[in-house]
Amino acid sequence: MRSLQSPTIVLVHGEFAESASWNGVIDLLAAAGQRTVAAANPLRGLAADAGAVGDLVRSIEGPIVLVGHGYGGAVITGVVADDVTGLVFVAGYAPDAGESCFTLAQQFPGSTLGEHLDAVLRADETTDLSLVQAHFHAEFAADLPEREVTRLATTQRPITREALLEPAGPRPLWKAVPSRFLIAGNDRLLPATAQRFMAERACARRVLERPTASHAAPVSEPVATAELILEAARHG
């Protein structure tokens, strides 16, 4: 029987993705006996999204390990909750106060974030951004087969331009909670150099390098991702 004090894993997907991007990881966590919840990240604005995930976290009894992919990393950084015992960033943003995802990506050479986007102006005057499907394979998921990429590109969820540009809040959670980072070495959106910079700045307890991984690391590297999450669940 699972201990009542065993952490619940809360998975937070990133930009141009949705909760099913965690399917392979979820299977491995379930096989290990871990209770897991895949949050529906609204992708509307950084503070609002962190608030939505925080509401979910506070509804769960017991300790929590938060896992963020891409923009989801920025979201878990802004969560306010007392029972978070570990953070895992999977090709994820870990902004400091005042930093945005876009500025972090552009701070290091190599990012193509912003180069191949479809934009839709919404009635609330925000702008939805999606990756152009013809560029999805090269930009987001170069280490996955074409058939799988087609599904991911078709089911991607848009993120607002405003969310990518919104500065992080004043109290990043990685300054208070132990963190681990999976570095996607072939990430075109968030360069590996940026990921390593954030991991070092956060004094990460472990940095796991996957040299050929694209930004779609939760899909292409489920074993490594699950390994890091299980380590965080066991040791904080």
C-alpha atoms as a PDB file:
ATOM      1  CA  MET A   1       0.000   0.000   0.000  1.00  0.00           C
ATOM      2  CA  ARG A   2       1.288   3.472  -0.855  1.00  0.00           C
ATOM      3  CA  SER A   3       2.351   5.471   2.179  1.00  0.00           C
ATOM      4  CA  LEU A   4       0.047   8.356   3.024  1.00  0.00           C
ATOM      5  CA  GLN A   5       3.156  10.553   3.072  1.00  0.00           C
ATOM      6  CA  SER A   6       4.375   9.525  -0.372  1.00  0.00           C
ATOM      7  CA  PRO A   7       4.399  12.652  -2.553  1.00  0.00           C
ATOM      8  CA  THR A   8       1.836  13.180  -5.257  1.00  0.00           C
ATOM      9  CA  ILE A   9       3.476  14.053  -8.566  1.00  0.00           C
ATOM     10  CA  VAL A  10       1.894  17.024 -10.344  1.00  0.00           C
ATOM     11  CA  LEU A  11       2.928  17.302 -14.002  1.00  0.00           C
ATOM     12  CA  VAL A  12       2.619  20.690 -15.715  1.00  0.00           C
ATOM     13  CA  HIS A  13       2.955  20.720 -19.502  1.00  0.00           C
ATOM     14  CA  GLY A  14       4.533  23.528 -21.430  1.00  0.00           C
ATOM     15  CA  GLU A  15       3.943  25.678 -24.485  1.00  0.00           C
ATOM     16  CA  PHE A  16       2.770  24.080 -27.756  1.00  0.00           C
ATOM     17  CA  ALA A  17       1.887  20.891 -25.833  1.00  0.00           C
ATOM     18  CA  GLU A  18      -0.900  19.420 -23.713  1.00  0.00           C
ATOM     19  CA  SER A  19      -1.298  16.970 -20.836  1.00  0.00           C
ATOM     20  CA  ALA A  20      -1.029  13.875 -23.040  1.00  0.00           C
ATOM     21  CA  SER A  21       2.615  14.765 -23.676  1.00  0.00           C
ATOM     22  CA  TRP A  22       3.262  13.137 -20.283  1.00  0.00           C
ATOM     23  CA  ASN A  23       1.665   9.785 -21.222  1.00  0.00           C
ATOM     24  CA  GLY A  24       4.904   7.800 -21.369  1.00  0.00           C
ATOM     25  CA  VAL A  25       6.096   9.288 -18.088  1.00  0.00           C
ATOM     26  CA  ILE A  26       2.725   8.631 -16.438  1.00  0.00           C
ATOM     27  CA  ASP A  27       2.910   4.939 -17.368  1.00  0.00           C
ATOM     28  CA  LEU A  28       6.330   4.609 -15.722  1.00  0.00           C
ATOM     29  CA  LEU A  29       5.299   6.496 -12.590  1.00  0.00           C
ATOM     30  CA  ALA A  30       2.175   4.343 -12.263  1.00  0.00           C
ATOM     31  CA  ALA A  31       4.290   1.196 -12.562  1.00  0.00           C
ATOM     32  CA  ALA A  32       6.398   2.530  -9.678  1.00  0.00           C
ATOM     33  CA  GLY A  33       3.285   3.072  -7.551  1.00  0.00           C
ATOM     34  CA  GLN A  34       3.336   6.863  -7.655  1.00  0.00           C
ATOM     35  CA  ARG A  35       0.113   8.839  -7.555  1.00  0.00           C
ATOM     36  CA  THR A  36       0.265  11.345 -10.400  1.00  0.00           C
ATOM     37  CA  VAL A  37      -1.899  14.243 -11.556  1.00  0.00           C
ATOM     38  CA  ALA A  38      -1.436  15.908 -14.957  1.00  0.00           C
ATOM     39  CA  ALA A  39      -2.481  19.532 -14.606  1.00  0.00           C
ATOM     40  CA  ALA A  40      -4.274  21.368 -17.390  1.00  0.00           C
ATOM     41  CA  ASN A  41      -1.997  24.384 -17.818  1.00  0.00           C
ATOM     42  CA  PRO A  42      -4.150  27.258 -19.126  1.00  0.00           C
ATOM     43  CA  LEU A  43      -1.238  28.907 -21.028  1.00  0.00           C
ATOM     44  CA  ARG A  44      -2.925  32.306 -20.662  1.00  0.00           C
ATOM     45  CA  GLY A  45      -0.572  34.283 -18.416  1.00  0.00           C
ATOM     46  CA  LEU A  46       2.247  33.403 -16.047  1.00  0.00           C
ATOM     47  CA  ALA A  47       0.731  34.619 -12.771  1.00  0.00           C
ATOM     48  CA  ALA A  48      -2.741  33.336 -13.652  1.00  0.00           C
ATOM     49  CA  ASP A  49      -1.396  29.945 -14.729  1.00  0.00           C
ATOM     50  CA  ALA A  50       0.669  29.619 -11.544  1.00  0.00           C
ATOM     51  CA  GLY A  51      -2.456  30.495  -9.591  1.00  0.00           C
ATOM     52  CA  ALA A  52      -4.462  27.794 -11.369  1.00  0.00           C
ATOM     53  CA  VAL A  53      -1.818  25.142 -10.696  1.00  0.00           C
ATOM     54  CA  GLY A  54      -1.511  26.388  -7.122  1.00  0.00           C
ATOM     55  CA  ASP A  55      -5.249  25.900  -6.622  1.00  0.00           C
ATOM     56  CA  LEU A  56      -4.875  22.297  -7.782  1.00  0.00           C
ATOM     57  CA  VAL A  57      -1.847  21.690  -5.559  1.00  0.00           C
ATOM     58  CA  ARG A  58      -3.589  23.051  -2.470  1.00  0.00           C
ATOM     59  CA  SER A  59      -6.507  20.678  -3.083  1.00  0.00           C
ATOM     60  CA  ILE A  60      -4.209  17.638  -2.766  1.00  0.00           C
ATOM     61  CA  GLU A  61      -3.477  16.246   0.683  1.00  0.00           C
ATOM     62  CA  GLY A  62       0.138  15.553   1.572  1.00  0.00           C
ATOM     63  CA  PRO A  63       3.505  16.409   0.015  1.00  0.00           C
ATOM     64  CA  ILE A  64       3.822  17.388  -3.648  1.00  0.00           C
ATOM     65  CA  VAL A  65       6.559  17.133  -6.258  1.00  0.00           C
ATOM     66  CA  LEU A  66       5.990  19.661  -9.035  1.00  0.00           C
ATOM     67  CA  VAL A  67       7.285  18.852 -12.518  1.00  0.00           C
ATOM     68  CA  GLY A  68       7.359  21.479 -15.252  1.00  0.00           C
ATOM     69  CA  HIS A  69       8.150  21.118 -18.943  1.00  0.00           C
ATOM     70  CA  GLY A  70       9.206  24.194 -20.899  1.00  0.00           C
ATOM     71  CA  TYR A  71       6.944  27.095 -19.931  1.00  0.00           C
ATOM     72  CA  GLY A  72       5.481  24.770 -17.299  1.00  0.00           C
ATOM     73  CA  GLY A  73       8.750  25.236 -15.427  1.00  0.00           C
ATOM     74  CA  ALA A  74       8.060  28.958 -15.160  1.00  0.00           C
ATOM     75  CA  VAL A  75       4.566  28.140 -13.924  1.00  0.00           C
ATOM     76  CA  ILE A  76       5.742  25.836 -11.111  1.00  0.00           C
ATOM     77  CA  THR A  77       8.327  28.472 -10.177  1.00  0.00           C
ATOM     78  CA  GLY A  78       5.453  30.821  -9.326  1.00  0.00           C
ATOM     79  CA  VAL A  79       3.260  28.391  -7.380  1.00  0.00           C
ATOM     80  CA  VAL A  80       2.462  29.364  -3.800  1.00  0.00           C
ATOM     81  CA  ALA A  81       1.910  26.242  -1.670  1.00  0.00           C
ATOM     82  CA  ASP A  82       3.268  24.930   1.615  1.00  0.00           C
ATOM     83  CA  ASP A  83       3.560  21.216   0.839  1.00  0.00           C
ATOM     84  CA  VAL A  84       5.864  21.240  -2.207  1.00  0.00           C
ATOM     85  CA  THR A  85       8.923  19.117  -1.367  1.00  0.00           C
ATOM     86  CA  GLY A  86      10.647  18.955  -4.754  1.00  0.00           C
ATOM     87  CA  LEU A  87      10.799  20.564  -8.191  1.00  0.00           C
ATOM     88  CA  VAL A  88      11.764  18.923 -11.473  1.00  0.00           C
ATOM     89  CA  PHE A  89      12.425  21.000 -14.591  1.00  0.00           C
ATOM     90  CA  VAL A  90      12.291  19.072 -17.883  1.00  0.00           C
ATOM     91  CA  ALA A  91      13.772  21.280 -20.606  1.00  0.00           C
ATOM     92  CA  GLY A  92      12.136  23.862 -18.393  1.00  0.00           C
ATOM     93  CA  TYR A  93      12.301  27.543 -17.626  1.00  0.00           C
ATOM     94  CA  ALA A  94      13.231  28.486 -14.054  1.00  0.00           C
ATOM     95  CA  PRO A  95      13.009  32.283 -14.111  1.00  0.00           C
ATOM     96  CA  ASP A  96      14.178  34.576 -11.369  1.00  0.00           C
ATOM     97  CA  ALA A  97      12.083  37.551 -10.292  1.00  0.00           C
ATOM     98  CA  GLY A  98      11.393  39.864 -13.223  1.00  0.00           C
ATOM     99  CA  GLU A  99      12.570  37.472 -15.943  1.00  0.00           C
ATOM    100  CA  SER A 100      10.288  36.224 -18.713  1.00  0.00           C
ATOM    101  CA  CYS A 101      10.502  33.020 -20.708  1.00  0.00           C
ATOM    102  CA  PHE A 102      11.208  34.955 -23.879  1.00  0.00           C
ATOM    103  CA  THR A 103      14.069  36.956 -22.392  1.00  0.00           C
ATOM    104  CA  LEU A 104      15.627  33.808 -20.895  1.00  0.00           C
ATOM    105  CA  ALA A 105      15.462  31.991 -24.232  1.00  0.00           C
ATOM    106  CA  GLN A 106      17.008  34.943 -26.059  1.00  0.00           C
ATOM    107  CA  GLN A 107      19.734  35.462 -23.455  1.00  0.00           C
ATOM    108  CA  PHE A 108      21.761  32.604 -24.956  1.00  0.00           C
ATOM    109  CA  PRO A 109      22.513  31.961 -28.649  1.00  0.00           C
ATOM    110  CA  GLY A 110      20.595  29.345 -30.589  1.00  0.00           C
ATOM    111  CA  SER A 111      16.942  29.831 -29.667  1.00  0.00           C
ATOM    112  CA  THR A 112      14.430  29.838 -32.514  1.00  0.00           C
ATOM    113  CA  LEU A 113      11.525  30.791 -30.245  1.00  0.00           C
ATOM    114  CA  GLY A 114       9.492  33.337 -32.164  1.00  0.00           C
ATOM    115  CA  GLU A 115      10.686  32.439 -35.665  1.00  0.00           C
ATOM    116  CA  HIS A 116       7.954  30.052 -36.862  1.00  0.00           C
ATOM    117  CA  LEU A 117       4.703  30.974 -35.159  1.00  0.00           C
ATOM    118  CA  ASP A 118       1.084  31.279 -36.207  1.00  0.00           C
ATOM    119  CA  ALA A 119      -0.660  34.136 -34.402  1.00  0.00           C
ATOM    120  CA  VAL A 120      -4.371  34.524 -33.664  1.00  0.00           C
ATOM    121  CA  LEU A 121      -5.694  37.763 -32.161  1.00  0.00           C
ATOM    122  CA  ARG A 122      -8.335  36.989 -29.533  1.00  0.00           C
ATOM    123  CA  ALA A 123     -11.376  38.999 -28.492  1.00  0.00           C
ATOM    124  CA  ASP A 124      -9.705  39.832 -25.160  1.00  0.00           C
ATOM    125  CA  GLU A 125      -6.859  41.473 -27.142  1.00  0.00           C
ATOM    126  CA  THR A 126      -4.320  38.790 -26.260  1.00  0.00           C
ATOM    127  CA  THR A 127      -2.544  36.879 -29.027  1.00  0.00           C
ATOM    128  CA  ASP A 128      -2.477  33.097 -29.235  1.00  0.00           C
ATOM    129  CA  LEU A 129       0.753  31.617 -30.601  1.00  0.00           C
ATOM    130  CA  SER A 130       1.187  28.140 -32.094  1.00  0.00           C
ATOM    131  CA  LEU A 131       4.162  26.562 -33.822  1.00  0.00           C
ATOM    132  CA  VAL A 132       3.710  26.358 -37.581  1.00  0.00           C
ATOM    133  CA  GLN A 133       3.014  22.675 -38.201  1.00  0.00           C
ATOM    134  CA  ALA A 134       5.509  22.439 -41.067  1.00  0.00           C
ATOM    135  CA  HIS A 135       8.289  23.491 -38.661  1.00  0.00           C
ATOM    136  CA  PHE A 136       7.122  21.522 -35.610  1.00  0.00           C
ATOM    137  CA  HIS A 137       9.404  18.539 -36.221  1.00  0.00           C
ATOM    138  CA  ALA A 138      12.603  20.559 -36.551  1.00  0.00           C
ATOM    139  CA  GLU A 139      11.814  23.129 -33.872  1.00  0.00           C
ATOM    140  CA  PHE A 140      10.074  21.115 -31.156  1.00  0.00           C
ATOM    141  CA  ALA A 141      10.535  17.373 -31.618  1.00  0.00           C
ATOM    142  CA  ALA A 142      13.518  16.562 -33.840  1.00  0.00           C
ATOM    143  CA  ASP A 143      14.221  13.313 -31.965  1.00  0.00           C
ATOM    144  CA  LEU A 144      10.756  11.821 -32.569  1.00  0.00           C
ATOM    145  CA  PRO A 145       9.397   9.910 -35.591  1.00  0.00           C
ATOM    146  CA  GLU A 146       7.331  11.813 -38.135  1.00  0.00           C
ATOM    147  CA  ARG A 147       4.076  10.020 -37.338  1.00  0.00           C
ATOM    148  CA  GLU A 148       4.259  10.948 -33.672  1.00  0.00           C
ATOM    149  CA  VAL A 149       5.272  14.502 -34.511  1.00  0.00           C
ATOM    150  CA  THR A 150       2.198  14.882 -36.721  1.00  0.00           C
ATOM    151  CA  ARG A 151      -0.044  14.033 -33.774  1.00  0.00           C
ATOM    152  CA  LEU A 152       1.809  16.401 -31.454  1.00  0.00           C
ATOM    153  CA  ALA A 153       1.731  19.248 -33.964  1.00  0.00           C
ATOM    154  CA  THR A 154      -1.975  18.779 -34.599  1.00  0.00           C
ATOM    155  CA  THR A 155      -2.963  18.631 -30.921  1.00  0.00           C
ATOM    156  CA  GLN A 156      -0.632  21.375 -29.650  1.00  0.00           C
ATOM    157  CA  ARG A 157      -2.272  23.995 -27.458  1.00  0.00           C
ATOM    158  CA  PRO A 158      -1.496  27.646 -28.134  1.00  0.00           C
ATOM    159  CA  ILE A 159       0.101  29.908 -25.568  1.00  0.00           C
ATOM    160  CA  THR A 160      -0.463  33.633 -25.424  1.00  0.00           C
ATOM    161  CA  ARG A 161       2.313  35.978 -26.429  1.00  0.00           C
ATOM    162  CA  GLU A 162       1.628  37.752 -23.158  1.00  0.00           C
ATOM    163  CA  ALA A 163       2.418  34.621 -21.121  1.00  0.00           C
ATOM    164  CA  LEU A 164       5.840  34.277 -22.735  1.00  0.00           C
ATOM    165  CA  LEU A 165       6.601  37.952 -22.100  1.00  0.00           C
ATOM    166  CA  GLU A 166       5.205  38.203 -18.556  1.00  0.00           C
ATOM    167  CA  PRO A 167       7.871  38.710 -15.862  1.00  0.00           C
ATOM    168  CA  ALA A 168       8.094  36.125 -13.099  1.00  0.00           C
ATOM    169  CA  GLY A 169       6.956  37.051  -9.610  1.00  0.00           C
ATOM    170  CA  PRO A 170       9.154  38.095  -6.686  1.00  0.00           C
ATOM    171  CA  ARG A 171       9.501  34.712  -4.915  1.00  0.00           C
ATOM    172  CA  PRO A 172      10.695  31.942  -7.254  1.00  0.00           C
ATOM    173  CA  LEU A 173       9.992  28.576  -5.653  1.00  0.00           C
ATOM    174  CA  TRP A 174      13.350  27.100  -6.655  1.00  0.00           C
ATOM    175  CA  LYS A 175      15.011  29.396  -4.114  1.00  0.00           C
ATOM    176  CA  ALA A 176      13.170  27.594  -1.309  1.00  0.00           C
ATOM    177  CA  VAL A 177      12.571  24.041  -2.594  1.00  0.00           C
ATOM    178  CA  PRO A 178      15.149  21.472  -3.833  1.00  0.00           C
ATOM    179  CA  SER A 179      15.271  21.164  -7.613  1.00  0.00           C
ATOM    180  CA  ARG A 180      16.418  18.787 -10.325  1.00  0.00           C
ATOM    181  CA  PHE A 181      16.890  19.529 -14.020  1.00  0.00           C
ATOM    182  CA  LEU A 182      16.765  17.391 -17.147  1.00  0.00           C
ATOM    183  CA  ILE A 183      18.802  19.200 -19.805  1.00  0.00           C
ATOM    184  CA  ALA A 184      17.653  18.686 -23.394  1.00  0.00           C
ATOM    185  CA  GLY A 185      20.887  19.006 -25.330  1.00  0.00           C
ATOM    186  CA  ASN A 186      19.287  19.488 -28.754  1.00  0.00           C
ATOM    187  CA  ASP A 187      16.538  21.906 -27.697  1.00  0.00           C
ATOM    188  CA  ARG A 188      15.881  24.506 -30.399  1.00  0.00           C
ATOM    189  CA  LEU A 189      13.457  26.620 -28.349  1.00  0.00           C
ATOM    190  CA  LEU A 190      15.303  26.814 -25.014  1.00  0.00           C
ATOM    191  CA  PRO A 191      19.036  26.303 -25.612  1.00  0.00           C
ATOM    192  CA  ALA A 192      20.836  23.804 -23.404  1.00  0.00           C
ATOM    193  CA  THR A 193      23.188  26.579 -22.294  1.00  0.00           C
ATOM    194  CA  ALA A 194      20.208  28.456 -20.867  1.00  0.00           C
ATOM    195  CA  GLN A 195      18.966  25.323 -19.126  1.00  0.00           C
ATOM    196  CA  ARG A 196      22.386  24.714 -17.556  1.00  0.00           C
ATOM    197  CA  PHE A 197      22.586  28.345 -16.428  1.00  0.00           C
ATOM    198  CA  MET A 198      19.238  28.053 -14.644  1.00  0.00           C
ATOM    199  CA  ALA A 199      20.164  24.710 -13.067  1.00  0.00           C
ATOM    200  CA  GLU A 200      23.438  26.106 -11.728  1.00  0.00           C
ATOM    201  CA  ARG A 201      21.734  29.242 -10.448  1.00  0.00           C
ATOM    202  CA  ALA A 202      19.142  27.124  -8.638  1.00  0.00           C
ATOM    203  CA  CYS A 203      21.881  24.984  -7.024  1.00  0.00           C
ATOM    204  CA  ALA A 204      20.114  21.930  -8.443  1.00  0.00           C
ATOM    205  CA  ARG A 205      20.544  18.709  -6.503  1.00  0.00           C
ATOM    206  CA  ARG A 206      20.976  16.835  -9.764  1.00  0.00           C
ATOM    207  CA  VAL A 207      21.398  17.780 -13.413  1.00  0.00           C
ATOM    208  CA  LEU A 208      20.662  14.982 -15.886  1.00  0.00           C
ATOM    209  CA  GLU A 209      21.997  15.616 -19.396  1.00  0.00           C
ATOM    210  CA  ARG A 210      20.278  14.058 -22.426  1.00  0.00           C
ATOM    211  CA  PRO A 211      22.485  15.231 -25.319  1.00  0.00           C
ATOM    212  CA  THR A 212      20.148  14.343 -28.205  1.00  0.00           C
ATOM    213  CA  ALA A 213      16.869  15.365 -26.569  1.00  0.00           C
ATOM    214  CA  SER A 214      14.677  17.971 -28.223  1.00  0.00           C
ATOM    215  CA  HIS A 215      12.286  20.325 -26.430  1.00  0.00           C
ATOM    216  CA  ALA A 216       9.804  17.424 -26.476  1.00  0.00           C
ATOM    217  CA  ALA A 217      11.872  15.622 -23.830  1.00  0.00           C
ATOM    218  CA  PRO A 218       8.875  14.348 -21.811  1.00  0.00           C
ATOM    219  CA  VAL A 219       7.796  12.436 -24.928  1.00  0.00           C
ATOM    220  CA  SER A 220      11.185  11.352 -26.275  1.00  0.00           C
ATOM    221  CA  GLU A 221      12.907  10.718 -22.918  1.00  0.00           C
ATOM    222  CA  PRO A 222      10.213   9.228 -20.655  1.00  0.00           C
ATOM    223  CA  VAL A 223      12.589   6.856 -18.833  1.00  0.00           C
ATOM    224  CA  ALA A 224      15.092   9.576 -17.911  1.00  0.00           C
ATOM    225  CA  THR A 225      12.278  11.960 -16.995  1.00  0.00           C
ATOM    226  CA  ALA A 226      10.559   9.407 -14.767  1.00  0.00           C
ATOM    227  CA  GLU A 227      13.893   8.506 -13.136  1.00  0.00           C
ATOM    228  CA  LEU A 228      14.481  12.112 -12.131  1.00  0.00           C
ATOM    229  CA  ILE A 229      10.919  12.515 -10.844  1.00  0.00           C
ATOM    230  CA  LEU A 230      11.109   9.330  -8.761  1.00  0.00           C
ATOM    231  CA  GLU A 231      14.397  10.503  -7.276  1.00  0.00           C
ATOM    232  CA  ALA A 232      12.757  13.791  -6.279  1.00  0.00           C
ATOM    233  CA  ALA A 233       9.812  11.906  -4.783  1.00  0.00           C
ATOM    234  CA  ARG A 234      12.115   9.769  -2.650  1.00  0.00           C
ATOM    235  CA  HIS A 235      14.657  12.347  -1.581  1.00  0.00           C
ATOM    236  CA  GLY A 236      13.117  15.788  -2.055  1.00  0.00           C
END
